[in-house]
Amino acid sequence: MTALDVPAWIARAAERIAADADRLTRLDAAIGDGDHGHNLRRGFAAAAAALPGDGPPGRALIAAGRALVAQTGGASGPLYGTALRRAGKALGDAPEADAAGLAAALRAALDGVRELGGAAEGDKTMVDALAPAVAAYTEAVENGATLAAAATAAASAAERGAEATVPLRARKGRASYLGDRSVGHPDPGAASTALLLRALADTAGEEP
């Protein structure tokens, strides 16, 4: 596959998040508001439903981002919505999201999340999964990998990043109020980010 089917990616992400919503909510109950999974399930279902039937992939991502902001409660709606809208703007009106274009889109998504949330790697947030994913994807593309191979590398890096949040002390968001009690729990935002990136790898690995 040389170009990403954005509607298929968002639809697959909605499926993965819906299937894992209870686990995400349990993770959030330990260090947050206890609504992350259920909020995201509603938001990504809305995002999938809001996708246009045709048009450039950048516009599809912008539409998905807007739906997420409108339908997802808590901090996750603005963060994920910003990520998708920034990615869409980076793609612009290009007719396809090829490997290099998606690298730029993922970097823009990460920049948007960092700017909005003020988080860096090590703060026990979704950035701990997204930043290594973007780095892994970019490195793979620069080394000549296909979109599918680069997406798989990104998903694996995101999953490792999410797991690496367990021993961290939260420094951003509601979890930061717990201090040392946040140690020993995975960050729910990093866990859901890993699902989004795994959905990307799923979709990129399919035959066109």
N, C-alpha and C. Protein backbone atom coordinates (compact mmCIF):
# COMPACT_ATOMS: atom_id res chain seq x y z
N MET A 1 0.84 -1.20 0.00
CA MET A 1 0.00 0.00 0.00
C MET A 1 0.88 1.25 0.00
N THR A 2 0.60 2.16 -0.91
CA THR A 2 1.39 3.40 -1.00
C THR A 2 0.65 4.60 -0.44
N ALA A 3 -0.64 4.47 -0.19
CA ALA A 3 -1.43 5.58 0.34
C ALA A 3 -2.39 5.06 1.40
N LEU A 4 -2.62 5.88 2.41
CA LEU A 4 -3.48 5.47 3.52
C LEU A 4 -4.94 5.80 3.23
N ASP A 5 -5.82 4.86 3.51
CA ASP A 5 -7.26 5.07 3.45
C ASP A 5 -7.68 5.64 4.81
N VAL A 6 -7.81 6.95 4.90
CA VAL A 6 -8.10 7.61 6.18
C VAL A 6 -9.44 7.17 6.77
N PRO A 7 -10.53 7.13 6.00
CA PRO A 7 -11.78 6.65 6.60
C PRO A 7 -11.67 5.24 7.18
N ALA A 8 -10.94 4.37 6.50
CA ALA A 8 -10.76 3.02 7.02
C ALA A 8 -9.98 3.05 8.33
N TRP A 9 -8.97 3.93 8.43
CA TRP A 9 -8.19 4.05 9.66
C TRP A 9 -9.06 4.51 10.82
N ILE A 10 -9.84 5.54 10.61
CA ILE A 10 -10.67 6.06 11.70
C ILE A 10 -11.74 5.04 12.09
N ALA A 11 -12.30 4.36 11.11
CA ALA A 11 -13.29 3.32 11.42
C ALA A 11 -12.67 2.19 12.22
N ARG A 12 -11.46 1.78 11.86
CA ARG A 12 -10.78 0.72 12.61
C ARG A 12 -10.42 1.21 14.02
N ALA A 13 -10.00 2.45 14.14
CA ALA A 13 -9.72 3.00 15.47
C ALA A 13 -10.97 2.99 16.33
N ALA A 14 -12.10 3.37 15.75
CA ALA A 14 -13.36 3.34 16.50
C ALA A 14 -13.69 1.94 16.98
N GLU A 15 -13.43 0.93 16.13
CA GLU A 15 -13.68 -0.46 16.51
C GLU A 15 -12.77 -0.89 17.65
N ARG A 16 -11.49 -0.57 17.55
CA ARG A 16 -10.54 -0.98 18.58
C ARG A 16 -10.85 -0.29 19.92
N ILE A 17 -11.17 0.97 19.87
CA ILE A 17 -11.46 1.70 21.11
C ILE A 17 -12.76 1.21 21.73
N ALA A 18 -13.77 0.92 20.90
CA ALA A 18 -15.02 0.39 21.44
C ALA A 18 -14.79 -0.96 22.12
N ALA A 19 -13.96 -1.79 21.50
CA ALA A 19 -13.69 -3.11 22.07
C ALA A 19 -12.92 -3.02 23.37
N ASP A 20 -12.13 -1.97 23.54
CA ASP A 20 -11.27 -1.83 24.72
C ASP A 20 -11.74 -0.73 25.66
N ALA A 21 -12.95 -0.23 25.47
CA ALA A 21 -13.43 0.92 26.24
C ALA A 21 -13.46 0.63 27.74
N ASP A 22 -13.89 -0.56 28.12
CA ASP A 22 -13.97 -0.88 29.54
C ASP A 22 -12.59 -0.87 30.19
N ARG A 23 -11.60 -1.43 29.49
CA ARG A 23 -10.24 -1.44 30.05
C ARG A 23 -9.71 -0.02 30.18
N LEU A 24 -9.91 0.79 29.16
CA LEU A 24 -9.45 2.17 29.22
C LEU A 24 -10.10 2.93 30.37
N THR A 25 -11.37 2.66 30.59
CA THR A 25 -12.07 3.33 31.69
C THR A 25 -11.56 2.85 33.04
N ARG A 26 -11.23 1.57 33.15
CA ARG A 26 -10.65 1.07 34.41
C ARG A 26 -9.29 1.72 34.67
N LEU A 27 -8.48 1.87 33.61
CA LEU A 27 -7.19 2.53 33.78
C LEU A 27 -7.39 3.97 34.26
N ASP A 28 -8.38 4.64 33.69
CA ASP A 28 -8.64 6.03 34.06
C ASP A 28 -9.22 6.13 35.47
N ALA A 29 -9.98 5.12 35.88
CA ALA A 29 -10.55 5.14 37.23
C ALA A 29 -9.45 5.11 38.29
N ALA A 30 -8.32 4.50 37.94
CA ALA A 30 -7.22 4.39 38.91
C ALA A 30 -6.51 5.71 39.15
N ILE A 31 -6.42 6.56 38.10
CA ILE A 31 -5.64 7.80 38.26
C ILE A 31 -6.33 9.02 37.68
N GLY A 32 -7.58 8.89 37.24
CA GLY A 32 -8.26 10.04 36.62
C GLY A 32 -9.73 10.08 36.96
N ASP A 33 -10.54 10.48 35.99
CA ASP A 33 -11.97 10.65 36.21
C ASP A 33 -12.78 9.37 36.02
N GLY A 34 -12.17 8.36 35.44
CA GLY A 34 -12.88 7.10 35.23
C GLY A 34 -13.85 7.12 34.08
N ASP A 35 -13.58 7.95 33.06
CA ASP A 35 -14.51 8.02 31.93
C ASP A 35 -13.81 8.00 30.57
N HIS A 36 -12.52 7.75 30.55
CA HIS A 36 -11.74 7.89 29.32
C HIS A 36 -12.23 6.96 28.22
N GLY A 37 -12.39 5.70 28.54
CA GLY A 37 -12.79 4.75 27.51
C GLY A 37 -14.16 5.01 26.95
N HIS A 38 -15.11 5.30 27.81
CA HIS A 38 -16.46 5.53 27.35
C HIS A 38 -16.58 6.84 26.58
N ASN A 39 -15.84 7.85 27.01
CA ASN A 39 -15.82 9.10 26.27
C ASN A 39 -15.24 8.91 24.87
N LEU A 40 -14.11 8.20 24.79
CA LEU A 40 -13.48 8.00 23.49
C LEU A 40 -14.31 7.11 22.58
N ARG A 41 -14.98 6.12 23.16
CA ARG A 41 -15.84 5.26 22.34
C ARG A 41 -16.89 6.12 21.65
N ARG A 42 -17.52 7.03 22.40
CA ARG A 42 -18.52 7.91 21.82
C ARG A 42 -17.89 8.84 20.79
N GLY A 43 -16.73 9.40 21.11
CA GLY A 43 -16.09 10.35 20.22
C GLY A 43 -15.63 9.74 18.91
N PHE A 44 -15.01 8.57 18.97
CA PHE A 44 -14.53 7.96 17.72
C PHE A 44 -15.67 7.39 16.89
N ALA A 45 -16.75 6.97 17.54
CA ALA A 45 -17.92 6.57 16.76
C ALA A 45 -18.46 7.77 15.99
N ALA A 46 -18.49 8.93 16.63
CA ALA A 46 -18.93 10.15 15.96
C ALA A 46 -17.97 10.55 14.86
N ALA A 47 -16.68 10.38 15.11
CA ALA A 47 -15.67 10.73 14.10
C ALA A 47 -15.82 9.86 12.86
N ALA A 48 -16.04 8.56 13.06
CA ALA A 48 -16.21 7.66 11.93
C ALA A 48 -17.46 8.02 11.13
N ALA A 49 -18.52 8.39 11.84
CA ALA A 49 -19.77 8.74 11.18
C ALA A 49 -19.68 10.06 10.44
N ALA A 50 -18.77 10.93 10.87
CA ALA A 50 -18.67 12.27 10.28
C ALA A 50 -17.81 12.32 9.03
N LEU A 51 -17.15 11.22 8.69
CA LEU A 51 -16.23 11.25 7.57
C LEU A 51 -16.97 11.45 6.25
N PRO A 52 -16.45 12.31 5.39
CA PRO A 52 -17.08 12.51 4.08
C PRO A 52 -16.93 11.28 3.21
N GLY A 53 -17.83 11.10 2.29
CA GLY A 53 -17.77 9.92 1.43
C GLY A 53 -16.64 9.97 0.43
N ASP A 54 -16.17 11.16 0.10
CA ASP A 54 -15.05 11.28 -0.83
C ASP A 54 -14.28 12.55 -0.47
N GLY A 55 -13.30 12.88 -1.29
CA GLY A 55 -12.49 14.06 -1.03
C GLY A 55 -11.12 13.69 -0.51
N PRO A 56 -10.25 14.66 -0.36
CA PRO A 56 -8.87 14.38 0.07
C PRO A 56 -8.80 13.91 1.52
N PRO A 57 -7.79 13.11 1.84
CA PRO A 57 -7.67 12.57 3.20
C PRO A 57 -7.50 13.64 4.26
N GLY A 58 -6.88 14.75 3.91
CA GLY A 58 -6.72 15.81 4.89
C GLY A 58 -8.05 16.33 5.38
N ARG A 59 -8.99 16.48 4.48
CA ARG A 59 -10.31 16.96 4.88
C ARG A 59 -11.03 15.94 5.75
N ALA A 60 -10.81 14.66 5.46
CA ALA A 60 -11.42 13.61 6.28
C ALA A 60 -10.90 13.68 7.71
N LEU A 61 -9.60 13.89 7.88
CA LEU A 61 -9.05 14.00 9.22
C LEU A 61 -9.57 15.23 9.95
N ILE A 62 -9.71 16.31 9.25
CA ILE A 62 -10.25 17.53 9.88
C ILE A 62 -11.68 17.30 10.34
N ALA A 63 -12.48 16.65 9.51
CA ALA A 63 -13.87 16.35 9.88
C ALA A 63 -13.92 15.43 11.09
N ALA A 64 -13.05 14.44 11.11
CA ALA A 64 -13.01 13.52 12.25
C ALA A 64 -12.60 14.25 13.52
N GLY A 65 -11.63 15.14 13.41
CA GLY A 65 -11.19 15.91 14.56
C GLY A 65 -12.28 16.80 15.12
N ARG A 66 -13.02 17.43 14.25
CA ARG A 66 -14.12 18.29 14.70
C ARG A 66 -15.18 17.49 15.44
N ALA A 67 -15.50 16.31 14.90
CA ALA A 67 -16.50 15.46 15.56
C ALA A 67 -16.03 15.00 16.92
N LEU A 68 -14.74 14.70 17.04
CA LEU A 68 -14.20 14.28 18.33
C LEU A 68 -14.34 15.39 19.37
N VAL A 69 -14.01 16.60 18.99
CA VAL A 69 -14.12 17.72 19.93
C VAL A 69 -15.56 17.90 20.37
N ALA A 70 -16.48 17.76 19.42
CA ALA A 70 -17.89 18.01 19.71
C ALA A 70 -18.52 16.93 20.58
N GLN A 71 -18.03 15.68 20.45
CA GLN A 71 -18.73 14.56 21.08
C GLN A 71 -17.97 13.89 22.22
N THR A 72 -16.74 14.28 22.47
CA THR A 72 -15.94 13.61 23.50
C THR A 72 -15.76 14.51 24.70
N GLY A 73 -16.11 14.02 25.87
CA GLY A 73 -15.95 14.79 27.09
C GLY A 73 -14.53 14.78 27.61
N GLY A 74 -14.28 15.58 28.63
CA GLY A 74 -12.98 15.61 29.28
C GLY A 74 -11.91 16.23 28.41
N ALA A 75 -10.65 15.95 28.78
CA ALA A 75 -9.53 16.50 28.05
C ALA A 75 -9.25 15.76 26.76
N SER A 76 -9.70 14.52 26.67
CA SER A 76 -9.32 13.70 25.52
C SER A 76 -9.92 14.21 24.22
N GLY A 77 -11.13 14.80 24.26
CA GLY A 77 -11.74 15.32 23.04
C GLY A 77 -10.90 16.41 22.39
N PRO A 78 -10.56 17.47 23.12
CA PRO A 78 -9.71 18.50 22.54
C PRO A 78 -8.34 17.99 22.10
N LEU A 79 -7.75 17.07 22.87
CA LEU A 79 -6.42 16.58 22.52
C LEU A 79 -6.45 15.73 21.24
N TYR A 80 -7.33 14.76 21.20
CA TYR A 80 -7.43 13.94 20.00
C TYR A 80 -7.96 14.75 18.82
N GLY A 81 -8.92 15.63 19.08
CA GLY A 81 -9.43 16.46 18.01
C GLY A 81 -8.36 17.35 17.42
N THR A 82 -7.54 17.95 18.27
CA THR A 82 -6.44 18.77 17.80
C THR A 82 -5.45 17.95 16.99
N ALA A 83 -5.14 16.75 17.47
CA ALA A 83 -4.19 15.88 16.76
C ALA A 83 -4.67 15.59 15.35
N LEU A 84 -5.93 15.21 15.20
CA LEU A 84 -6.44 14.86 13.88
C LEU A 84 -6.58 16.08 12.99
N ARG A 85 -7.01 17.19 13.55
CA ARG A 85 -7.15 18.39 12.72
C ARG A 85 -5.79 18.90 12.25
N ARG A 86 -4.81 18.88 13.14
CA ARG A 86 -3.47 19.30 12.73
C ARG A 86 -2.91 18.37 11.65
N ALA A 87 -3.15 17.07 11.83
CA ALA A 87 -2.69 16.12 10.81
C ALA A 87 -3.37 16.40 9.48
N GLY A 88 -4.67 16.68 9.53
CA GLY A 88 -5.39 16.98 8.30
C GLY A 88 -4.90 18.24 7.62
N LYS A 89 -4.62 19.26 8.40
CA LYS A 89 -4.10 20.50 7.83
C LYS A 89 -2.72 20.28 7.20
N ALA A 90 -1.92 19.41 7.81
CA ALA A 90 -0.60 19.13 7.24
C ALA A 90 -0.72 18.44 5.88
N LEU A 91 -1.74 17.58 5.74
CA LEU A 91 -1.96 16.92 4.45
C LEU A 91 -2.54 17.87 3.42
N GLY A 92 -3.28 18.87 3.88
CA GLY A 92 -3.86 19.84 2.97
C GLY A 92 -4.85 19.19 2.01
N ASP A 93 -4.79 19.61 0.76
CA ASP A 93 -5.70 19.07 -0.26
C ASP A 93 -5.03 18.02 -1.13
N ALA A 94 -3.93 17.45 -0.65
CA ALA A 94 -3.27 16.39 -1.42
C ALA A 94 -4.25 15.25 -1.66
N PRO A 95 -4.26 14.68 -2.86
CA PRO A 95 -5.24 13.63 -3.16
C PRO A 95 -4.97 12.32 -2.44
N GLU A 96 -3.74 12.13 -1.97
CA GLU A 96 -3.39 10.91 -1.26
C GLU A 96 -2.54 11.22 -0.03
N ALA A 97 -2.64 10.36 0.97
CA ALA A 97 -1.75 10.43 2.13
C ALA A 97 -0.70 9.35 1.95
N ASP A 98 0.42 9.72 1.29
CA ASP A 98 1.47 8.73 1.08
C ASP A 98 2.37 8.66 2.31
N ALA A 99 3.40 7.84 2.25
CA ALA A 99 4.25 7.60 3.42
C ALA A 99 4.88 8.88 3.94
N ALA A 100 5.43 9.69 3.05
CA ALA A 100 6.08 10.93 3.47
C ALA A 100 5.05 11.94 3.97
N GLY A 101 3.92 12.03 3.31
CA GLY A 101 2.89 12.96 3.75
C GLY A 101 2.35 12.59 5.11
N LEU A 102 2.20 11.29 5.36
CA LEU A 102 1.71 10.86 6.66
C LEU A 102 2.73 11.14 7.75
N ALA A 103 4.02 11.08 7.42
CA ALA A 103 5.06 11.42 8.40
C ALA A 103 4.89 12.87 8.85
N ALA A 104 4.68 13.75 7.90
CA ALA A 104 4.48 15.17 8.23
C ALA A 104 3.19 15.35 9.03
N ALA A 105 2.16 14.60 8.69
CA ALA A 105 0.89 14.72 9.40
C ALA A 105 1.02 14.24 10.84
N LEU A 106 1.72 13.15 11.05
CA LEU A 106 1.90 12.65 12.41
C LEU A 106 2.73 13.61 13.26
N ARG A 107 3.74 14.21 12.65
CA ARG A 107 4.54 15.21 13.38
C ARG A 107 3.67 16.40 13.77
N ALA A 108 2.81 16.83 12.86
CA ALA A 108 1.92 17.95 13.15
C ALA A 108 0.94 17.59 14.26
N ALA A 109 0.46 16.36 14.26
CA ALA A 109 -0.45 15.90 15.33
C ALA A 109 0.25 15.96 16.68
N LEU A 110 1.48 15.48 16.72
CA LEU A 110 2.25 15.50 17.97
C LEU A 110 2.49 16.93 18.44
N ASP A 111 2.85 17.80 17.52
CA ASP A 111 3.08 19.20 17.88
C ASP A 111 1.81 19.82 18.47
N GLY A 112 0.66 19.50 17.87
CA GLY A 112 -0.59 20.04 18.37
C GLY A 112 -0.92 19.58 19.77
N VAL A 113 -0.69 18.30 20.03
CA VAL A 113 -0.95 17.75 21.36
C VAL A 113 -0.01 18.37 22.39
N ARG A 114 1.25 18.52 22.02
CA ARG A 114 2.20 19.13 22.95
C ARG A 114 1.83 20.57 23.26
N GLU A 115 1.44 21.31 22.25
CA GLU A 115 1.09 22.71 22.46
C GLU A 115 -0.16 22.85 23.33
N LEU A 116 -1.15 22.03 23.07
CA LEU A 116 -2.40 22.14 23.81
C LEU A 116 -2.26 21.68 25.25
N GLY A 117 -1.61 20.55 25.44
CA GLY A 117 -1.51 19.98 26.79
C GLY A 117 -0.28 20.40 27.56
N GLY A 118 0.71 20.94 26.88
CA GLY A 118 1.94 21.36 27.55
C GLY A 118 2.76 20.21 28.08
N ALA A 119 2.55 19.00 27.56
CA ALA A 119 3.24 17.82 28.09
C ALA A 119 4.46 17.47 27.25
N ALA A 120 5.41 16.85 27.91
CA ALA A 120 6.60 16.32 27.25
C ALA A 120 6.71 14.84 27.58
N GLU A 121 7.61 14.16 26.89
CA GLU A 121 7.83 12.76 27.22
C GLU A 121 8.28 12.63 28.67
N GLY A 122 7.76 11.65 29.35
CA GLY A 122 8.08 11.44 30.75
C GLY A 122 7.07 12.02 31.71
N ASP A 123 6.08 12.78 31.17
CA ASP A 123 5.06 13.38 32.03
C ASP A 123 3.89 12.44 32.31
N LYS A 124 3.91 11.24 31.75
CA LYS A 124 2.86 10.24 31.91
C LYS A 124 1.56 10.72 31.26
N THR A 125 1.63 10.94 29.95
CA THR A 125 0.48 11.35 29.17
C THR A 125 0.50 10.61 27.84
N MET A 126 -0.43 10.94 26.96
CA MET A 126 -0.47 10.34 25.64
C MET A 126 0.78 10.65 24.82
N VAL A 127 1.49 11.72 25.18
CA VAL A 127 2.73 12.05 24.48
C VAL A 127 3.76 10.94 24.62
N ASP A 128 3.71 10.21 25.72
CA ASP A 128 4.67 9.12 25.93
C ASP A 128 4.47 7.97 24.96
N ALA A 129 3.31 7.88 24.35
CA ALA A 129 3.08 6.90 23.30
C ALA A 129 3.21 7.53 21.92
N LEU A 130 2.71 8.75 21.77
CA LEU A 130 2.69 9.38 20.45
C LEU A 130 4.08 9.80 19.99
N ALA A 131 4.90 10.35 20.88
CA ALA A 131 6.22 10.83 20.46
C ALA A 131 7.10 9.70 19.93
N PRO A 132 7.24 8.57 20.65
CA PRO A 132 8.05 7.49 20.08
C PRO A 132 7.45 6.89 18.82
N ALA A 133 6.13 6.91 18.71
CA ALA A 133 5.49 6.41 17.49
C ALA A 133 5.86 7.26 16.29
N VAL A 134 5.80 8.58 16.46
CA VAL A 134 6.14 9.49 15.37
C VAL A 134 7.61 9.34 15.01
N ALA A 135 8.46 9.21 16.01
CA ALA A 135 9.89 9.04 15.75
C ALA A 135 10.16 7.74 14.99
N ALA A 136 9.51 6.66 15.41
CA ALA A 136 9.71 5.37 14.75
C ALA A 136 9.20 5.40 13.32
N TYR A 137 8.03 6.01 13.11
CA TYR A 137 7.48 6.10 11.76
C TYR A 137 8.41 6.91 10.86
N THR A 138 8.83 8.05 11.34
CA THR A 138 9.68 8.93 10.54
C THR A 138 11.00 8.25 10.18
N GLU A 139 11.62 7.61 11.16
CA GLU A 139 12.88 6.92 10.89
C GLU A 139 12.70 5.82 9.86
N ALA A 140 11.61 5.07 9.99
CA ALA A 140 11.36 3.99 9.05
C ALA A 140 11.19 4.52 7.63
N VAL A 141 10.44 5.60 7.47
CA VAL A 141 10.22 6.18 6.14
C VAL A 141 11.53 6.71 5.58
N GLU A 142 12.31 7.37 6.42
CA GLU A 142 13.60 7.91 5.96
C GLU A 142 14.55 6.81 5.52
N ASN A 143 14.37 5.61 6.07
CA ASN A 143 15.20 4.47 5.70
C ASN A 143 14.61 3.66 4.56
N GLY A 144 13.55 4.17 3.95
CA GLY A 144 13.00 3.54 2.77
C GLY A 144 11.88 2.56 3.01
N ALA A 145 11.33 2.51 4.21
CA ALA A 145 10.26 1.56 4.51
C ALA A 145 8.97 1.96 3.80
N THR A 146 8.14 0.97 3.54
CA THR A 146 6.81 1.25 3.01
C THR A 146 5.94 1.88 4.09
N LEU A 147 4.82 2.42 3.66
CA LEU A 147 3.89 2.99 4.61
C LEU A 147 3.44 1.94 5.62
N ALA A 148 3.16 0.74 5.13
CA ALA A 148 2.70 -0.33 6.03
C ALA A 148 3.76 -0.69 7.06
N ALA A 149 5.01 -0.82 6.62
CA ALA A 149 6.09 -1.18 7.55
C ALA A 149 6.33 -0.06 8.55
N ALA A 150 6.28 1.18 8.08
CA ALA A 150 6.49 2.31 8.98
C ALA A 150 5.36 2.40 10.00
N ALA A 151 4.13 2.14 9.57
CA ALA A 151 3.00 2.18 10.50
C ALA A 151 3.11 1.09 11.55
N THR A 152 3.59 -0.07 11.16
CA THR A 152 3.79 -1.15 12.13
C THR A 152 4.85 -0.77 13.15
N ALA A 153 5.92 -0.13 12.69
CA ALA A 153 6.97 0.33 13.60
C ALA A 153 6.41 1.37 14.57
N ALA A 154 5.56 2.25 14.06
CA ALA A 154 4.96 3.28 14.91
C ALA A 154 4.06 2.66 15.97
N ALA A 155 3.25 1.68 15.58
CA ALA A 155 2.34 1.04 16.53
C ALA A 155 3.11 0.33 17.63
N SER A 156 4.16 -0.37 17.26
CA SER A 156 4.97 -1.07 18.26
C SER A 156 5.63 -0.09 19.22
N ALA A 157 6.12 1.02 18.68
CA ALA A 157 6.74 2.04 19.53
C ALA A 157 5.72 2.66 20.47
N ALA A 158 4.50 2.89 19.98
CA ALA A 158 3.45 3.45 20.83
C ALA A 158 3.10 2.50 21.97
N GLU A 159 3.02 1.22 21.66
CA GLU A 159 2.69 0.23 22.70
C GLU A 159 3.78 0.15 23.75
N ARG A 160 5.03 0.21 23.31
CA ARG A 160 6.13 0.22 24.29
C ARG A 160 6.09 1.50 25.12
N GLY A 161 5.79 2.62 24.48
CA GLY A 161 5.71 3.88 25.20
C GLY A 161 4.61 3.88 26.23
N ALA A 162 3.46 3.30 25.87
CA ALA A 162 2.35 3.23 26.82
C ALA A 162 2.72 2.37 28.02
N GLU A 163 3.37 1.25 27.77
CA GLU A 163 3.77 0.36 28.87
C GLU A 163 4.81 1.05 29.76
N ALA A 164 5.65 1.88 29.16
CA ALA A 164 6.70 2.55 29.92
C ALA A 164 6.15 3.64 30.84
N THR A 165 4.86 3.98 30.73
CA THR A 165 4.30 4.97 31.64
C THR A 165 4.00 4.40 33.02
N VAL A 166 3.99 3.07 33.15
CA VAL A 166 3.62 2.45 34.43
C VAL A 166 4.46 2.98 35.60
N PRO A 167 5.79 3.00 35.50
CA PRO A 167 6.58 3.45 36.66
C PRO A 167 6.70 4.97 36.80
N LEU A 168 6.11 5.71 35.88
CA LEU A 168 6.27 7.17 35.91
C LEU A 168 5.34 7.82 36.93
N ARG A 169 5.76 8.95 37.43
CA ARG A 169 4.92 9.80 38.28
C ARG A 169 4.29 10.86 37.39
N ALA A 170 2.98 10.97 37.41
CA ALA A 170 2.29 11.90 36.54
C ALA A 170 2.64 13.34 36.88
N ARG A 171 2.90 14.13 35.83
CA ARG A 171 3.23 15.54 36.02
C ARG A 171 2.26 16.47 35.30
N LYS A 172 1.28 15.89 34.63
CA LYS A 172 0.28 16.71 33.92
C LYS A 172 -1.10 16.09 34.14
N GLY A 173 -2.13 16.91 34.02
CA GLY A 173 -3.49 16.42 34.08
C GLY A 173 -3.93 16.05 35.48
N ARG A 174 -5.12 15.46 35.55
CA ARG A 174 -5.71 15.09 36.83
C ARG A 174 -4.85 14.11 37.60
N ALA A 175 -4.20 13.21 36.88
CA ALA A 175 -3.37 12.21 37.54
C ALA A 175 -2.23 12.84 38.34
N SER A 176 -1.80 14.04 37.95
CA SER A 176 -0.69 14.69 38.66
C SER A 176 -1.07 15.04 40.09
N TYR A 177 -2.38 15.18 40.37
CA TYR A 177 -2.81 15.50 41.73
C TYR A 177 -2.54 14.35 42.69
N LEU A 178 -2.36 13.16 42.16
CA LEU A 178 -2.13 11.99 43.02
C LEU A 178 -0.70 11.86 43.49
N GLY A 179 0.20 12.59 42.85
CA GLY A 179 1.61 12.51 43.25
C GLY A 179 2.15 11.10 43.07
N ASP A 180 2.80 10.58 44.09
CA ASP A 180 3.41 9.26 44.00
C ASP A 180 2.40 8.14 43.83
N ARG A 181 1.14 8.40 44.14
CA ARG A 181 0.12 7.36 43.98
C ARG A 181 -0.19 7.08 42.51
N SER A 182 0.27 7.95 41.62
CA SER A 182 0.08 7.68 40.19
C SER A 182 1.08 6.66 39.66
N VAL A 183 2.12 6.39 40.42
CA VAL A 183 3.13 5.41 40.02
C VAL A 183 2.52 4.02 40.09
N GLY A 184 2.86 3.19 39.10
CA GLY A 184 2.38 1.81 39.09
C GLY A 184 1.16 1.59 38.23
N HIS A 185 0.67 2.65 37.58
CA HIS A 185 -0.51 2.54 36.72
C HIS A 185 -0.16 3.03 35.31
N PRO A 186 -0.66 2.34 34.29
CA PRO A 186 -0.46 2.86 32.93
C PRO A 186 -1.28 4.12 32.72
N ASP A 187 -0.78 5.00 31.89
CA ASP A 187 -1.56 6.18 31.56
C ASP A 187 -2.64 5.82 30.55
N PRO A 188 -3.91 6.14 30.83
CA PRO A 188 -4.97 5.76 29.90
C PRO A 188 -4.86 6.45 28.55
N GLY A 189 -4.40 7.69 28.52
CA GLY A 189 -4.24 8.39 27.25
C GLY A 189 -3.17 7.75 26.38
N ALA A 190 -2.10 7.30 27.00
CA ALA A 190 -1.07 6.60 26.25
C ALA A 190 -1.60 5.27 25.74
N ALA A 191 -2.42 4.60 26.55
CA ALA A 191 -3.00 3.32 26.13
C ALA A 191 -3.93 3.50 24.94
N SER A 192 -4.76 4.54 24.95
CA SER A 192 -5.66 4.77 23.82
C SER A 192 -4.90 5.23 22.58
N THR A 193 -3.82 5.97 22.78
CA THR A 193 -2.99 6.38 21.65
C THR A 193 -2.38 5.16 20.98
N ALA A 194 -1.96 4.19 21.77
CA ALA A 194 -1.42 2.95 21.20
C ALA A 194 -2.48 2.23 20.37
N LEU A 195 -3.73 2.28 20.80
CA LEU A 195 -4.80 1.67 20.01
C LEU A 195 -4.98 2.39 18.67
N LEU A 196 -4.90 3.71 18.70
CA LEU A 196 -5.03 4.49 17.47
C LEU A 196 -3.92 4.15 16.48
N LEU A 197 -2.70 4.01 16.99
CA LEU A 197 -1.58 3.70 16.12
C LEU A 197 -1.64 2.25 15.64
N ARG A 198 -2.13 1.34 16.47
CA ARG A 198 -2.28 -0.04 16.02
C ARG A 198 -3.36 -0.11 14.94
N ALA A 199 -4.41 0.69 15.07
CA ALA A 199 -5.43 0.75 14.01
C ALA A 199 -4.83 1.26 12.71
N LEU A 200 -3.91 2.21 12.80
CA LEU A 200 -3.20 2.70 11.62
C LEU A 200 -2.42 1.56 10.97
N ALA A 201 -1.70 0.78 11.78
CA ALA A 201 -0.94 -0.34 11.24
C ALA A 201 -1.85 -1.41 10.63
N ASP A 202 -2.97 -1.67 11.29
CA ASP A 202 -3.94 -2.62 10.74
C ASP A 202 -4.37 -2.21 9.34
N THR A 203 -4.73 -0.94 9.21
CA THR A 203 -5.28 -0.44 7.96
C THR A 203 -4.21 -0.36 6.88
N ALA A 204 -3.03 0.10 7.26
CA ALA A 204 -1.96 0.23 6.28
C ALA A 204 -1.49 -1.12 5.78
N GLY A 205 -1.69 -2.15 6.59
CA GLY A 205 -1.25 -3.48 6.19
C GLY A 205 -2.23 -4.22 5.31
N GLU A 206 -3.41 -3.64 5.10
CA GLU A 206 -4.42 -4.30 4.26
C GLU A 206 -4.14 -4.05 2.78
N GLU A 207 -4.59 -4.97 1.98
CA GLU A 207 -4.47 -4.79 0.54
C GLU A 207 -5.39 -3.67 0.07
N PRO A 208 -4.94 -2.83 -0.84
CA PRO A 208 -5.79 -1.74 -1.34
C PRO A 208 -6.97 -2.29 -2.14
